[in-house]
Every structure is written in C-alpha cells, then in structure tokens.
Protein backbone atom coordinates (compact mmCIF):
# COMPACT_ATOMS: atom_id res chain seq x y z
CA MET A 1 94.61 74.17 87.81
CA ALA A 2 91.32 72.87 86.49
CA GLU A 3 88.35 75.17 86.05
CA THR A 4 85.57 74.67 88.56
CA THR A 5 82.03 76.09 88.76
CA TYR A 6 81.48 78.84 91.34
CA ASN A 7 78.51 81.05 92.19
CA GLY A 8 79.09 84.80 92.19
CA TYR A 9 77.43 88.17 91.66
CA CYS A 10 77.69 89.85 88.27
CA VAL A 11 77.71 93.64 88.75
CA LYS A 12 76.71 94.27 85.13
CA CYS A 13 73.73 91.86 85.03
CA LYS A 14 72.91 92.55 88.73
CA GLU A 15 72.24 88.83 89.31
CA LYS A 16 73.93 85.87 90.95
CA ARG A 17 75.23 83.43 88.35
CA ASP A 18 77.31 80.26 88.18
CA PHE A 19 80.60 80.79 86.33
CA GLN A 20 83.65 78.74 85.37
CA GLY A 21 86.75 79.99 87.12
CA ASN A 22 90.24 79.35 88.45
CA VAL A 23 91.48 79.98 91.99
CA GLU A 24 94.06 82.76 92.31
CA VAL A 25 95.65 84.48 95.30
CA SER A 26 94.86 88.21 95.53
CA LYS A 27 97.26 90.97 96.62
CA THR A 28 95.80 90.84 100.13
CA GLY A 29 96.49 87.11 100.48
CA MET A 30 92.95 85.81 99.91
CA ASN A 31 91.96 82.87 97.71
CA MET A 32 89.70 84.15 94.95
CA ALA A 33 87.79 82.42 92.16
CA LYS A 34 88.06 84.49 88.98
CA GLY A 35 86.16 83.90 85.75
CA LYS A 36 83.80 85.36 83.15
CA CYS A 37 80.02 85.84 83.34
CA PRO A 38 78.43 83.33 80.90
CA VAL A 39 75.81 85.92 79.81
CA CYS A 40 77.65 89.25 79.37
CA GLY A 41 81.34 88.28 79.58
CA THR A 42 82.22 90.61 82.48
CA THR A 43 84.95 89.40 84.86
CA MET A 44 83.43 87.91 88.03
CA ASN A 45 85.19 87.29 91.36
CA ARG A 46 84.32 85.23 94.41
CA ILE A 47 86.33 85.54 97.64
CA LEU A 48 86.93 82.05 99.07
CA GLY A 49 88.96 82.74 102.23
CA LYS A 50 92.51 83.21 103.45
CA ALA A 51 95.31 81.53 101.51
CA LYS A 52 97.52 79.22 103.54
C-alpha cells in the first residue's frame, strides 16, 4: 500500500500534525493509519473507521 498523508495528534509534542502513514487493521477490527511524527519521530495513530 502507498503511504498517504493523514492528520493526527502527537502525544509527545501535544500538537496535531500531518504525518505519512499506511492503513492497517487493528486487533479490534478498525482501520487505522499508522506512521511517525515528522518532528519527534514518535509513532502516531489515526482511527479511520470499521474495516469491512
């Protein structure tokens, strides 16, 4: 899958940032964008909705 830009909250920087990420399916069956914060490098997640 190609990386896409998503907007998420970085818990380390305490700010919303755009990050490059890939869509994965979580253990609970939700689509989730997962990537790294461009400033500090912390893993960022964005819940996108239920997986089909």
